[in-house]
Every structure is written in structure tokens, then in C-alpha cells.
Amino acid sequence: MQAKAYKGMGMEGGVARWYDKTTRRDLPEFKALARRVAAGLAPGAKVLEVAPGPGFFAIELAKIGKYEITGLDISKSFVDIAKGNAQQEHVEVDFREGNVSQMPFAEASFDFLLCRAAFKNFSDPVGAIREMRRVLKPGGRALVIDLRKDVNKKALDDYIRGLKVGILDAFMMKWTFRLMLIRRAYTKQQFVEFISQGGFDNSEIQETPIGFEITLSK
């Protein structure tokens, strides 16, 4: 599959600050995911979050245990925001700017990697998978969580209703999902092809009401 250009909103400046503000309503989800991930990590594990945005997951994970946590985002604004959020929460996370398809890390650097709600926006999905594999240690795992292209209207409406947002926010979220995010999302078969081309031999794809949870093992 050829690389695609990113057609979503540029996550810089005011847009990044708006995303930081609105995504805070998902903090219970970030906390739950951090607890789930921490249950499978050894003390001192090296963790990379790809495209962490405001950094909420990485920060919640840092609160749980003594891990070496790094966040890599292509948005300078997000890096600055995430650093500020970590400082406010009094935790240490190394947020830095960089491209997932050309990560500035040595081979076999991390025990665990997370990519949540960002994979569909990567311009080079196969290159991103290859880089994920390269920076993982032997025996390391990656978890990719993202929207799926065949999500049905009821599941999406139920998800947004569960967020308990206002009428205007709910309308805007439905508009964003249907006109932007779903168009960029991938099918299960596409993910299977990306994983194969990216070099992972061991993978598991689980369906969720609106997306996939993909576990990749090196």
C-alpha cells in the first residue's frame, strides 16, 4: 500500500490546546488502560507511547510504577503540552518530537509500545509497523488501538452517548467520526497486510465495539 498524506486537522497551536481540553473527559479510560498495561510490565520496564498527544496515558502509567517512559509525537505543540501536563502531575516522562516512520531510537530499545487512536493518521502505515518492530526488544510487545472502517452507526452512537457530552459536542463528534476519522480508518484485512509487511510474525487482532486492539509480539 502506498503512503498517504495526512488530511486531518493539523495538531498544532490552538487545535492542539482544544484537543488537550476536550480529551480530558477521557481520563477514566486512560487510567484504566494504564492499569491494564502496568499489570503486564516488569519494574523498570522501558515504555514508548507513539503519538501520545497531551500525554495522558503516559502520565497515568508513570503514576503507577517506576518505568522509563518516552512519548514521541510529530506535533511540537503536543510535545510542549504533554511536558506541561507531566510537570503539573509531578511525574517524569520523556516527551520528544519525532516521526513514527523514522524514530530516533536505537534498535531494541523498549519493552512495550502503545499507539492509541493515531495509527489511521500515519502517512506510512507499513513503515510505522516496521519501526515499531525495530525499536522493540526481543520478546517486547506493541499494542495498537484504533477505529475500524466498518464501525456501524449504532455502535458509534452508543459510544458517543456513553461519553455523556452535551448536545453540541455530541453532534461535532459524530460529524468528525463520519466525515473524517472513519474515512481514514482501516479494515481488519488491511491491518493484517500491514503487520505482515512490517515483519511481525506474532499478532492478535481483537474487535471492540468501534475498533480494534492489535497486539504485536517480537
N, C-alpha and C. Protein backbone atom coordinates (compact mmCIF):
# COMPACT_ATOMS: atom_id res chain seq x y z
N MET A 1 0.85 -1.20 0.00
CA MET A 1 0.00 0.00 0.00
C MET A 1 0.88 1.24 0.00
N GLN A 2 0.54 2.22 -0.81
CA GLN A 2 1.32 3.43 -0.89
C GLN A 2 1.07 4.31 0.33
N ALA A 3 2.08 5.14 0.63
CA ALA A 3 1.91 6.09 1.72
C ALA A 3 0.80 7.07 1.37
N LYS A 4 0.12 7.56 2.39
CA LYS A 4 -0.95 8.51 2.17
C LYS A 4 -0.63 9.80 2.89
N ALA A 5 -1.13 10.88 2.37
CA ALA A 5 -0.93 12.16 3.03
C ALA A 5 -1.92 12.31 4.17
N TYR A 6 -1.49 12.97 5.23
CA TYR A 6 -2.40 13.23 6.34
C TYR A 6 -3.37 14.33 5.95
N LYS A 7 -4.68 14.05 6.09
CA LYS A 7 -5.70 15.02 5.70
C LYS A 7 -6.53 15.50 6.89
N GLY A 8 -6.12 15.12 8.07
CA GLY A 8 -6.85 15.57 9.25
C GLY A 8 -6.42 16.97 9.65
N MET A 9 -6.94 17.41 10.81
CA MET A 9 -6.57 18.73 11.29
C MET A 9 -5.12 18.74 11.72
N GLY A 10 -4.40 19.84 11.41
CA GLY A 10 -3.04 19.97 11.89
C GLY A 10 -3.05 20.16 13.39
N MET A 11 -2.41 19.26 14.12
CA MET A 11 -2.47 19.30 15.57
C MET A 11 -1.38 20.21 16.13
N GLU A 12 -1.52 21.49 15.86
CA GLU A 12 -0.60 22.49 16.37
C GLU A 12 -1.41 23.66 16.93
N GLY A 13 -0.76 24.46 17.74
CA GLY A 13 -1.37 25.69 18.23
C GLY A 13 -2.71 25.49 18.92
N GLY A 14 -3.68 26.31 18.50
CA GLY A 14 -5.00 26.28 19.13
C GLY A 14 -5.71 24.95 19.00
N VAL A 15 -5.51 24.26 17.90
CA VAL A 15 -6.16 22.95 17.73
C VAL A 15 -5.63 21.96 18.76
N ALA A 16 -4.32 21.97 18.99
CA ALA A 16 -3.73 21.08 19.98
C ALA A 16 -4.23 21.41 21.39
N ARG A 17 -4.35 22.70 21.69
CA ARG A 17 -4.85 23.10 23.02
C ARG A 17 -6.31 22.69 23.19
N TRP A 18 -7.11 22.82 22.11
CA TRP A 18 -8.51 22.39 22.17
C TRP A 18 -8.59 20.88 22.40
N TYR A 19 -7.75 20.13 21.71
CA TYR A 19 -7.76 18.67 21.86
C TYR A 19 -7.36 18.28 23.28
N ASP A 20 -6.38 18.96 23.84
CA ASP A 20 -5.96 18.71 25.22
C ASP A 20 -7.14 18.91 26.17
N LYS A 21 -7.88 19.98 25.95
CA LYS A 21 -9.01 20.30 26.83
C LYS A 21 -10.14 19.28 26.69
N THR A 22 -10.52 18.97 25.46
CA THR A 22 -11.66 18.07 25.26
C THR A 22 -11.34 16.62 25.61
N THR A 23 -10.09 16.20 25.43
CA THR A 23 -9.73 14.81 25.69
C THR A 23 -9.64 14.51 27.17
N ARG A 24 -9.61 15.52 28.00
CA ARG A 24 -9.56 15.28 29.44
C ARG A 24 -10.80 14.53 29.95
N ARG A 25 -11.89 14.59 29.22
CA ARG A 25 -13.08 13.85 29.64
C ARG A 25 -12.85 12.34 29.54
N ASP A 26 -11.81 11.93 28.80
CA ASP A 26 -11.50 10.51 28.65
C ASP A 26 -10.51 10.01 29.70
N LEU A 27 -10.21 10.83 30.73
CA LEU A 27 -9.22 10.43 31.73
C LEU A 27 -9.53 9.08 32.39
N PRO A 28 -10.78 8.76 32.71
CA PRO A 28 -11.04 7.43 33.28
C PRO A 28 -10.60 6.31 32.35
N GLU A 29 -10.76 6.50 31.04
CA GLU A 29 -10.31 5.49 30.08
C GLU A 29 -8.79 5.37 30.09
N PHE A 30 -8.10 6.51 30.14
CA PHE A 30 -6.63 6.48 30.19
C PHE A 30 -6.14 5.81 31.47
N LYS A 31 -6.79 6.10 32.57
CA LYS A 31 -6.40 5.49 33.85
C LYS A 31 -6.58 3.97 33.80
N ALA A 32 -7.72 3.52 33.25
CA ALA A 32 -7.98 2.09 33.16
C ALA A 32 -6.99 1.40 32.24
N LEU A 33 -6.67 2.03 31.11
CA LEU A 33 -5.70 1.45 30.19
C LEU A 33 -4.32 1.39 30.82
N ALA A 34 -3.94 2.42 31.57
CA ALA A 34 -2.64 2.42 32.24
C ALA A 34 -2.55 1.28 33.25
N ARG A 35 -3.63 1.05 34.00
CA ARG A 35 -3.62 -0.07 34.96
C ARG A 35 -3.50 -1.40 34.24
N ARG A 36 -4.20 -1.54 33.13
CA ARG A 36 -4.16 -2.79 32.37
C ARG A 36 -2.76 -3.05 31.82
N VAL A 37 -2.14 -2.02 31.28
CA VAL A 37 -0.79 -2.17 30.74
C VAL A 37 0.21 -2.46 31.85
N ALA A 38 0.10 -1.74 32.96
CA ALA A 38 1.04 -1.91 34.07
C ALA A 38 1.03 -3.33 34.61
N ALA A 39 -0.12 -3.99 34.54
CA ALA A 39 -0.22 -5.36 35.06
C ALA A 39 0.69 -6.33 34.31
N GLY A 40 1.09 -5.98 33.08
CA GLY A 40 1.95 -6.86 32.31
C GLY A 40 3.38 -6.37 32.20
N LEU A 41 3.74 -5.34 32.95
CA LEU A 41 5.09 -4.78 32.86
C LEU A 41 5.93 -5.16 34.07
N ALA A 42 7.22 -5.38 33.82
CA ALA A 42 8.15 -5.61 34.91
C ALA A 42 8.62 -4.27 35.47
N PRO A 43 9.02 -4.22 36.73
CA PRO A 43 9.55 -2.96 37.28
C PRO A 43 10.73 -2.46 36.44
N GLY A 44 10.74 -1.18 36.19
CA GLY A 44 11.82 -0.60 35.40
C GLY A 44 11.69 -0.78 33.91
N ALA A 45 10.56 -1.30 33.44
CA ALA A 45 10.37 -1.53 32.01
C ALA A 45 10.47 -0.22 31.23
N LYS A 46 10.98 -0.33 30.00
CA LYS A 46 11.08 0.83 29.12
C LYS A 46 9.88 0.84 28.19
N VAL A 47 9.13 1.94 28.25
CA VAL A 47 7.84 2.04 27.55
C VAL A 47 7.88 3.22 26.58
N LEU A 48 7.36 3.01 25.38
CA LEU A 48 7.24 4.08 24.39
C LEU A 48 5.77 4.23 24.02
N GLU A 49 5.27 5.47 24.11
CA GLU A 49 3.96 5.76 23.54
C GLU A 49 4.17 6.58 22.27
N VAL A 50 3.63 6.07 21.18
CA VAL A 50 3.72 6.74 19.89
C VAL A 50 2.48 7.63 19.72
N ALA A 51 2.69 8.88 19.34
CA ALA A 51 1.61 9.85 19.17
C ALA A 51 0.80 10.00 20.45
N PRO A 52 1.43 10.38 21.55
CA PRO A 52 0.73 10.49 22.84
C PRO A 52 -0.17 11.71 22.96
N GLY A 53 -0.07 12.65 22.03
CA GLY A 53 -0.89 13.86 22.14
C GLY A 53 -0.58 14.59 23.44
N PRO A 54 -1.62 14.91 24.23
CA PRO A 54 -1.39 15.62 25.50
C PRO A 54 -0.68 14.78 26.56
N GLY A 55 -0.49 13.48 26.31
CA GLY A 55 0.31 12.64 27.19
C GLY A 55 -0.41 11.98 28.34
N PHE A 56 -1.74 11.92 28.29
CA PHE A 56 -2.49 11.44 29.44
C PHE A 56 -2.18 9.99 29.81
N PHE A 57 -2.09 9.09 28.82
CA PHE A 57 -1.79 7.68 29.15
C PHE A 57 -0.42 7.57 29.80
N ALA A 58 0.60 8.16 29.17
CA ALA A 58 1.96 8.05 29.68
C ALA A 58 2.06 8.60 31.10
N ILE A 59 1.37 9.70 31.35
CA ILE A 59 1.38 10.30 32.68
C ILE A 59 0.71 9.39 33.70
N GLU A 60 -0.43 8.80 33.34
CA GLU A 60 -1.11 7.88 34.26
C GLU A 60 -0.26 6.65 34.54
N LEU A 61 0.43 6.15 33.53
CA LEU A 61 1.31 4.99 33.73
C LEU A 61 2.46 5.34 34.66
N ALA A 62 3.00 6.56 34.50
CA ALA A 62 4.11 6.99 35.35
C ALA A 62 3.70 7.09 36.82
N LYS A 63 2.42 7.34 37.07
CA LYS A 63 1.93 7.42 38.44
C LYS A 63 1.89 6.05 39.11
N ILE A 64 1.80 5.00 38.30
CA ILE A 64 1.58 3.65 38.83
C ILE A 64 2.88 2.98 39.28
N GLY A 65 3.94 3.13 38.48
CA GLY A 65 5.17 2.41 38.80
C GLY A 65 6.40 3.12 38.27
N LYS A 66 7.55 2.59 38.63
CA LYS A 66 8.83 3.18 38.22
C LYS A 66 9.25 2.59 36.87
N TYR A 67 8.73 3.18 35.82
CA TYR A 67 9.07 2.77 34.46
C TYR A 67 9.82 3.91 33.77
N GLU A 68 10.58 3.56 32.74
CA GLU A 68 11.22 4.58 31.90
C GLU A 68 10.29 4.82 30.71
N ILE A 69 9.59 5.93 30.73
CA ILE A 69 8.53 6.18 29.76
C ILE A 69 8.92 7.32 28.81
N THR A 70 8.74 7.06 27.52
CA THR A 70 9.02 8.04 26.48
C THR A 70 7.77 8.23 25.64
N GLY A 71 7.50 9.47 25.23
CA GLY A 71 6.42 9.76 24.30
C GLY A 71 6.97 10.45 23.07
N LEU A 72 6.60 9.97 21.89
CA LEU A 72 7.09 10.53 20.63
C LEU A 72 5.91 11.04 19.81
N ASP A 73 5.89 12.33 19.52
CA ASP A 73 4.80 12.92 18.75
C ASP A 73 5.35 13.85 17.68
N ILE A 74 4.70 13.87 16.53
CA ILE A 74 5.15 14.70 15.42
C ILE A 74 4.79 16.17 15.63
N SER A 75 3.88 16.43 16.57
CA SER A 75 3.40 17.79 16.84
C SER A 75 4.23 18.44 17.94
N LYS A 76 4.89 19.56 17.61
CA LYS A 76 5.65 20.30 18.62
C LYS A 76 4.73 20.82 19.71
N SER A 77 3.54 21.27 19.32
CA SER A 77 2.58 21.77 20.31
C SER A 77 2.21 20.69 21.31
N PHE A 78 1.95 19.49 20.83
CA PHE A 78 1.60 18.40 21.72
C PHE A 78 2.76 18.06 22.65
N VAL A 79 3.97 18.08 22.14
CA VAL A 79 5.13 17.80 22.99
C VAL A 79 5.20 18.82 24.13
N ASP A 80 5.03 20.08 23.80
CA ASP A 80 5.06 21.13 24.82
C ASP A 80 3.92 20.97 25.82
N ILE A 81 2.72 20.66 25.32
CA ILE A 81 1.56 20.48 26.20
C ILE A 81 1.77 19.27 27.12
N ALA A 82 2.25 18.17 26.56
CA ALA A 82 2.45 16.95 27.35
C ALA A 82 3.51 17.18 28.43
N LYS A 83 4.56 17.90 28.10
CA LYS A 83 5.59 18.21 29.11
C LYS A 83 4.98 19.01 30.26
N GLY A 84 4.14 20.00 29.90
CA GLY A 84 3.49 20.79 30.93
C GLY A 84 2.55 19.97 31.78
N ASN A 85 1.80 19.05 31.16
CA ASN A 85 0.88 18.18 31.91
C ASN A 85 1.65 17.27 32.87
N ALA A 86 2.78 16.73 32.41
CA ALA A 86 3.58 15.86 33.27
C ALA A 86 4.15 16.64 34.45
N GLN A 87 4.57 17.86 34.20
CA GLN A 87 5.11 18.69 35.28
C GLN A 87 4.04 18.98 36.32
N GLN A 88 2.81 19.26 35.86
CA GLN A 88 1.72 19.52 36.78
C GLN A 88 1.39 18.31 37.64
N GLU A 89 1.56 17.12 37.08
CA GLU A 89 1.26 15.89 37.81
C GLU A 89 2.46 15.34 38.57
N HIS A 90 3.60 16.04 38.47
CA HIS A 90 4.82 15.67 39.20
C HIS A 90 5.31 14.27 38.85
N VAL A 91 5.29 13.96 37.56
CA VAL A 91 5.84 12.69 37.09
C VAL A 91 6.87 12.97 36.00
N GLU A 92 7.73 11.99 35.76
CA GLU A 92 8.79 12.15 34.77
C GLU A 92 8.49 11.29 33.54
N VAL A 93 8.27 11.94 32.41
CA VAL A 93 8.10 11.28 31.12
C VAL A 93 8.91 12.06 30.09
N ASP A 94 9.64 11.35 29.26
CA ASP A 94 10.48 11.99 28.25
C ASP A 94 9.67 12.19 26.97
N PHE A 95 8.97 13.32 26.88
CA PHE A 95 8.22 13.64 25.67
C PHE A 95 9.15 14.34 24.68
N ARG A 96 9.13 13.85 23.44
CA ARG A 96 10.01 14.45 22.42
C ARG A 96 9.33 14.43 21.06
N GLU A 97 9.83 15.26 20.16
CA GLU A 97 9.26 15.40 18.83
C GLU A 97 9.92 14.42 17.88
N GLY A 98 9.11 13.78 17.01
CA GLY A 98 9.66 12.86 16.03
C GLY A 98 8.59 12.15 15.23
N ASN A 99 9.03 11.49 14.17
CA ASN A 99 8.15 10.80 13.22
C ASN A 99 8.17 9.31 13.50
N VAL A 100 7.00 8.70 13.60
CA VAL A 100 6.92 7.27 13.90
C VAL A 100 7.58 6.41 12.82
N SER A 101 7.61 6.89 11.58
CA SER A 101 8.22 6.11 10.49
C SER A 101 9.73 6.21 10.47
N GLN A 102 10.28 7.14 11.26
CA GLN A 102 11.74 7.29 11.37
C GLN A 102 12.08 7.65 12.81
N MET A 103 11.87 6.72 13.71
CA MET A 103 12.01 7.02 15.12
C MET A 103 13.48 7.19 15.52
N PRO A 104 13.75 8.18 16.37
CA PRO A 104 15.13 8.48 16.77
C PRO A 104 15.62 7.62 17.93
N PHE A 105 15.39 6.32 17.85
CA PHE A 105 15.77 5.41 18.91
C PHE A 105 16.59 4.26 18.35
N ALA A 106 17.48 3.73 19.17
CA ALA A 106 18.27 2.58 18.76
C ALA A 106 17.40 1.34 18.66
N GLU A 107 17.87 0.38 17.91
CA GLU A 107 17.17 -0.91 17.80
C GLU A 107 17.05 -1.55 19.17
N ALA A 108 15.93 -2.23 19.41
CA ALA A 108 15.70 -2.98 20.64
C ALA A 108 15.81 -2.09 21.88
N SER A 109 15.10 -0.95 21.88
CA SER A 109 15.17 0.00 22.99
C SER A 109 14.07 -0.17 24.02
N PHE A 110 12.92 -0.75 23.63
CA PHE A 110 11.75 -0.71 24.50
C PHE A 110 11.15 -2.10 24.74
N ASP A 111 10.57 -2.24 25.94
CA ASP A 111 9.87 -3.48 26.29
C ASP A 111 8.42 -3.47 25.83
N PHE A 112 7.84 -2.29 25.79
CA PHE A 112 6.41 -2.18 25.44
C PHE A 112 6.19 -0.88 24.68
N LEU A 113 5.26 -0.93 23.72
CA LEU A 113 4.93 0.24 22.90
C LEU A 113 3.42 0.35 22.79
N LEU A 114 2.89 1.55 22.94
CA LEU A 114 1.46 1.80 22.77
C LEU A 114 1.25 2.84 21.68
N CYS A 115 0.24 2.59 20.83
CA CYS A 115 -0.21 3.57 19.86
C CYS A 115 -1.73 3.57 19.93
N ARG A 116 -2.31 4.64 20.47
CA ARG A 116 -3.76 4.70 20.69
C ARG A 116 -4.38 5.82 19.86
N ALA A 117 -5.36 5.46 19.02
CA ALA A 117 -6.18 6.43 18.28
C ALA A 117 -5.38 7.32 17.35
N ALA A 118 -4.26 6.81 16.82
CA ALA A 118 -3.42 7.64 15.95
C ALA A 118 -2.98 6.94 14.68
N PHE A 119 -3.02 5.61 14.67
CA PHE A 119 -2.43 4.87 13.55
C PHE A 119 -3.03 5.26 12.21
N LYS A 120 -4.34 5.51 12.18
CA LYS A 120 -5.01 5.83 10.91
C LYS A 120 -4.49 7.12 10.29
N ASN A 121 -3.81 7.96 11.08
CA ASN A 121 -3.31 9.23 10.56
C ASN A 121 -1.88 9.15 10.05
N PHE A 122 -1.21 8.02 10.24
CA PHE A 122 0.18 7.91 9.81
C PHE A 122 0.26 7.86 8.29
N SER A 123 1.16 8.63 7.71
CA SER A 123 1.28 8.68 6.26
C SER A 123 1.91 7.42 5.68
N ASP A 124 2.66 6.66 6.49
CA ASP A 124 3.33 5.45 6.03
C ASP A 124 3.04 4.32 7.02
N PRO A 125 1.88 3.67 6.91
CA PRO A 125 1.50 2.67 7.91
C PRO A 125 2.45 1.48 8.00
N VAL A 126 2.94 1.00 6.86
CA VAL A 126 3.87 -0.13 6.90
C VAL A 126 5.20 0.30 7.51
N GLY A 127 5.66 1.49 7.14
CA GLY A 127 6.89 1.99 7.74
C GLY A 127 6.76 2.15 9.25
N ALA A 128 5.58 2.57 9.71
CA ALA A 128 5.35 2.70 11.14
C ALA A 128 5.43 1.35 11.84
N ILE A 129 4.83 0.33 11.25
CA ILE A 129 4.89 -1.02 11.83
C ILE A 129 6.33 -1.52 11.87
N ARG A 130 7.06 -1.31 10.79
CA ARG A 130 8.46 -1.74 10.76
C ARG A 130 9.28 -1.07 11.86
N GLU A 131 9.04 0.22 12.05
CA GLU A 131 9.77 0.94 13.09
C GLU A 131 9.38 0.46 14.48
N MET A 132 8.10 0.15 14.67
CA MET A 132 7.68 -0.39 15.96
C MET A 132 8.43 -1.68 16.26
N ARG A 133 8.53 -2.53 15.27
CA ARG A 133 9.24 -3.79 15.47
C ARG A 133 10.73 -3.54 15.74
N ARG A 134 11.32 -2.61 15.02
CA ARG A 134 12.75 -2.35 15.17
C ARG A 134 13.10 -1.87 16.58
N VAL A 135 12.28 -0.98 17.15
CA VAL A 135 12.65 -0.41 18.44
C VAL A 135 12.25 -1.29 19.63
N LEU A 136 11.46 -2.34 19.38
CA LEU A 136 11.11 -3.26 20.46
C LEU A 136 12.24 -4.25 20.74
N LYS A 137 12.41 -4.58 22.00
CA LYS A 137 13.37 -5.61 22.38
C LYS A 137 12.82 -6.99 21.99
N PRO A 138 13.67 -7.98 21.81
CA PRO A 138 13.16 -9.34 21.62
C PRO A 138 12.25 -9.73 22.78
N GLY A 139 11.07 -10.22 22.46
CA GLY A 139 10.08 -10.52 23.49
C GLY A 139 9.20 -9.34 23.85
N GLY A 140 9.48 -8.17 23.26
CA GLY A 140 8.68 -6.98 23.53
C GLY A 140 7.34 -7.03 22.83
N ARG A 141 6.41 -6.17 23.29
CA ARG A 141 5.06 -6.15 22.73
C ARG A 141 4.64 -4.73 22.36
N ALA A 142 3.82 -4.65 21.34
CA ALA A 142 3.19 -3.38 20.96
C ALA A 142 1.69 -3.56 21.00
N LEU A 143 0.98 -2.52 21.42
CA LEU A 143 -0.48 -2.53 21.43
C LEU A 143 -0.96 -1.34 20.62
N VAL A 144 -1.70 -1.62 19.54
CA VAL A 144 -2.26 -0.58 18.68
C VAL A 144 -3.77 -0.58 18.87
N ILE A 145 -4.32 0.53 19.29
CA ILE A 145 -5.76 0.67 19.50
C ILE A 145 -6.27 1.74 18.55
N ASP A 146 -7.24 1.38 17.71
CA ASP A 146 -7.74 2.38 16.76
C ASP A 146 -9.12 2.02 16.25
N LEU A 147 -9.71 3.00 15.58
CA LEU A 147 -11.03 2.87 14.97
C LEU A 147 -10.98 1.89 13.81
N ARG A 148 -12.11 1.23 13.54
CA ARG A 148 -12.16 0.35 12.37
C ARG A 148 -13.12 0.92 11.34
N LYS A 149 -12.81 0.65 10.09
CA LYS A 149 -13.55 1.27 9.00
C LYS A 149 -15.00 0.80 8.91
N ASP A 150 -15.28 -0.41 9.37
CA ASP A 150 -16.64 -0.94 9.24
C ASP A 150 -17.49 -0.72 10.49
N VAL A 151 -17.10 0.23 11.34
CA VAL A 151 -17.89 0.51 12.53
C VAL A 151 -19.31 0.91 12.12
N ASN A 152 -20.31 0.35 12.82
CA ASN A 152 -21.68 0.66 12.42
C ASN A 152 -22.22 1.86 13.20
N LYS A 153 -23.28 2.45 12.68
CA LYS A 153 -23.83 3.69 13.22
C LYS A 153 -24.28 3.52 14.67
N LYS A 154 -24.93 2.41 14.99
CA LYS A 154 -25.42 2.22 16.35
C LYS A 154 -24.27 2.14 17.35
N ALA A 155 -23.22 1.39 17.01
CA ALA A 155 -22.09 1.26 17.92
C ALA A 155 -21.43 2.61 18.15
N LEU A 156 -21.30 3.40 17.09
CA LEU A 156 -20.70 4.72 17.22
C LEU A 156 -21.58 5.65 18.06
N ASP A 157 -22.89 5.62 17.81
CA ASP A 157 -23.81 6.46 18.58
C ASP A 157 -23.80 6.06 20.06
N ASP A 158 -23.75 4.75 20.33
CA ASP A 158 -23.70 4.28 21.72
C ASP A 158 -22.42 4.74 22.41
N TYR A 159 -21.32 4.71 21.67
CA TYR A 159 -20.03 5.13 22.24
C TYR A 159 -20.08 6.61 22.62
N ILE A 160 -20.57 7.44 21.71
CA ILE A 160 -20.63 8.88 21.97
C ILE A 160 -21.62 9.19 23.09
N ARG A 161 -22.75 8.48 23.10
CA ARG A 161 -23.74 8.67 24.17
C ARG A 161 -23.12 8.32 25.53
N GLY A 162 -22.27 7.30 25.54
CA GLY A 162 -21.63 6.90 26.79
C GLY A 162 -20.65 7.92 27.34
N LEU A 163 -20.19 8.82 26.49
CA LEU A 163 -19.28 9.87 26.94
C LEU A 163 -20.00 10.96 27.73
N LYS A 164 -21.33 11.02 27.58
CA LYS A 164 -22.16 11.96 28.32
C LYS A 164 -21.74 13.41 28.10
N VAL A 165 -21.55 13.74 26.81
CA VAL A 165 -21.20 15.11 26.46
C VAL A 165 -22.47 15.87 26.11
N GLY A 166 -22.36 17.17 25.94
CA GLY A 166 -23.51 18.00 25.59
C GLY A 166 -23.97 17.74 24.17
N ILE A 167 -25.14 18.28 23.84
CA ILE A 167 -25.73 18.06 22.52
C ILE A 167 -24.82 18.55 21.40
N LEU A 168 -24.26 19.75 21.57
CA LEU A 168 -23.40 20.31 20.53
C LEU A 168 -22.13 19.50 20.37
N ASP A 169 -21.50 19.13 21.49
CA ASP A 169 -20.28 18.32 21.41
C ASP A 169 -20.57 16.96 20.78
N ALA A 170 -21.70 16.35 21.12
CA ALA A 170 -22.06 15.07 20.54
C ALA A 170 -22.23 15.18 19.03
N PHE A 171 -22.88 16.25 18.59
CA PHE A 171 -23.05 16.47 17.15
C PHE A 171 -21.71 16.63 16.45
N MET A 172 -20.82 17.41 17.05
CA MET A 172 -19.50 17.65 16.45
C MET A 172 -18.68 16.36 16.40
N MET A 173 -18.80 15.54 17.45
CA MET A 173 -18.06 14.28 17.47
C MET A 173 -18.58 13.33 16.39
N LYS A 174 -19.90 13.24 16.25
CA LYS A 174 -20.47 12.39 15.20
C LYS A 174 -20.03 12.86 13.82
N TRP A 175 -20.04 14.16 13.61
CA TRP A 175 -19.61 14.74 12.33
C TRP A 175 -18.15 14.41 12.06
N THR A 176 -17.31 14.55 13.08
CA THR A 176 -15.88 14.28 12.92
C THR A 176 -15.62 12.81 12.60
N PHE A 177 -16.30 11.92 13.33
CA PHE A 177 -16.14 10.49 13.08
C PHE A 177 -16.55 10.14 11.66
N ARG A 178 -17.73 10.57 11.26
CA ARG A 178 -18.29 10.10 9.99
C ARG A 178 -17.64 10.73 8.77
N LEU A 179 -17.26 12.00 8.87
CA LEU A 179 -16.72 12.69 7.71
C LEU A 179 -15.20 12.68 7.64
N MET A 180 -14.54 12.36 8.77
CA MET A 180 -13.08 12.40 8.78
C MET A 180 -12.46 11.08 9.23
N LEU A 181 -12.72 10.69 10.47
CA LEU A 181 -11.98 9.59 11.07
C LEU A 181 -12.26 8.24 10.42
N ILE A 182 -13.54 7.94 10.19
CA ILE A 182 -13.88 6.64 9.60
C ILE A 182 -13.30 6.52 8.20
N ARG A 183 -13.26 7.61 7.46
CA ARG A 183 -12.70 7.58 6.11
C ARG A 183 -11.21 7.23 6.13
N ARG A 184 -10.53 7.56 7.22
CA ARG A 184 -9.10 7.29 7.30
C ARG A 184 -8.80 5.95 7.97
N ALA A 185 -9.81 5.36 8.59
CA ALA A 185 -9.60 4.10 9.31
C ALA A 185 -9.36 2.95 8.35
N TYR A 186 -8.88 1.82 8.91
CA TYR A 186 -8.55 0.66 8.11
C TYR A 186 -9.45 -0.52 8.44
N THR A 187 -9.52 -1.45 7.52
CA THR A 187 -10.22 -2.71 7.74
C THR A 187 -9.29 -3.70 8.44
N LYS A 188 -9.87 -4.79 8.91
CA LYS A 188 -9.06 -5.83 9.54
C LYS A 188 -8.07 -6.40 8.54
N GLN A 189 -8.50 -6.64 7.31
CA GLN A 189 -7.61 -7.21 6.30
C GLN A 189 -6.44 -6.28 6.01
N GLN A 190 -6.68 -4.99 5.98
CA GLN A 190 -5.59 -4.05 5.76
C GLN A 190 -4.57 -4.12 6.89
N PHE A 191 -5.04 -4.23 8.12
CA PHE A 191 -4.11 -4.37 9.24
C PHE A 191 -3.31 -5.65 9.12
N VAL A 192 -3.95 -6.73 8.70
CA VAL A 192 -3.24 -8.00 8.52
C VAL A 192 -2.10 -7.82 7.51
N GLU A 193 -2.37 -7.11 6.43
CA GLU A 193 -1.35 -6.87 5.41
C GLU A 193 -0.23 -5.98 5.95
N PHE A 194 -0.57 -4.92 6.68
CA PHE A 194 0.45 -4.04 7.26
C PHE A 194 1.38 -4.83 8.18
N ILE A 195 0.77 -5.66 9.03
CA ILE A 195 1.55 -6.44 10.00
C ILE A 195 2.49 -7.40 9.30
N SER A 196 2.00 -8.06 8.26
CA SER A 196 2.83 -8.99 7.51
C SER A 196 4.00 -8.27 6.85
N GLN A 197 3.71 -7.14 6.20
CA GLN A 197 4.77 -6.39 5.53
C GLN A 197 5.73 -5.74 6.53
N GLY A 198 5.22 -5.46 7.73
CA GLY A 198 6.05 -4.82 8.74
C GLY A 198 6.98 -5.76 9.48
N GLY A 199 6.84 -7.06 9.28
CA GLY A 199 7.80 -8.00 9.82
C GLY A 199 7.41 -8.71 11.10
N PHE A 200 6.24 -8.42 11.65
CA PHE A 200 5.82 -9.12 12.87
C PHE A 200 5.28 -10.50 12.51
N ASP A 201 5.78 -11.51 13.20
CA ASP A 201 5.31 -12.88 12.98
C ASP A 201 4.17 -13.24 13.91
N ASN A 202 4.13 -12.62 15.09
CA ASN A 202 3.12 -12.94 16.08
C ASN A 202 2.21 -11.74 16.30
N SER A 203 0.92 -11.92 16.04
CA SER A 203 -0.03 -10.82 16.21
C SER A 203 -1.40 -11.36 16.57
N GLU A 204 -2.19 -10.52 17.21
CA GLU A 204 -3.56 -10.85 17.56
C GLU A 204 -4.42 -9.61 17.37
N ILE A 205 -5.52 -9.74 16.64
CA ILE A 205 -6.41 -8.62 16.40
C ILE A 205 -7.75 -8.91 17.06
N GLN A 206 -8.10 -8.09 18.04
CA GLN A 206 -9.37 -8.24 18.74
C GLN A 206 -10.30 -7.08 18.34
N GLU A 207 -11.55 -7.42 18.06
CA GLU A 207 -12.52 -6.39 17.71
C GLU A 207 -13.16 -5.82 18.97
N THR A 208 -13.34 -4.51 18.99
CA THR A 208 -14.07 -3.82 20.04
C THR A 208 -15.33 -3.22 19.40
N PRO A 209 -16.24 -2.66 20.17
CA PRO A 209 -17.46 -2.12 19.55
C PRO A 209 -17.21 -1.14 18.42
N ILE A 210 -16.15 -0.33 18.51
CA ILE A 210 -15.91 0.64 17.45
C ILE A 210 -14.53 0.50 16.79
N GLY A 211 -13.74 -0.46 17.21
CA GLY A 211 -12.40 -0.52 16.63
C GLY A 211 -11.70 -1.84 16.81
N PHE A 212 -10.37 -1.76 16.87
CA PHE A 212 -9.51 -2.92 17.04
C PHE A 212 -8.53 -2.67 18.18
N GLU A 213 -8.15 -3.77 18.84
CA GLU A 213 -6.99 -3.77 19.72
C GLU A 213 -6.05 -4.82 19.14
N ILE A 214 -4.89 -4.36 18.69
CA ILE A 214 -3.94 -5.21 17.97
C ILE A 214 -2.69 -5.39 18.80
N THR A 215 -2.40 -6.62 19.17
CA THR A 215 -1.20 -6.93 19.95
C THR A 215 -0.15 -7.52 19.01
N LEU A 216 1.03 -6.93 19.01
CA LEU A 216 2.14 -7.37 18.17
C LEU A 216 3.29 -7.79 19.08
N SER A 217 3.82 -8.99 18.87
CA SER A 217 4.89 -9.51 19.71
C SER A 217 6.12 -9.77 18.86
N LYS A 218 7.27 -9.35 19.36
CA LYS A 218 8.53 -9.53 18.64
C LYS A 218 9.23 -10.80 19.12
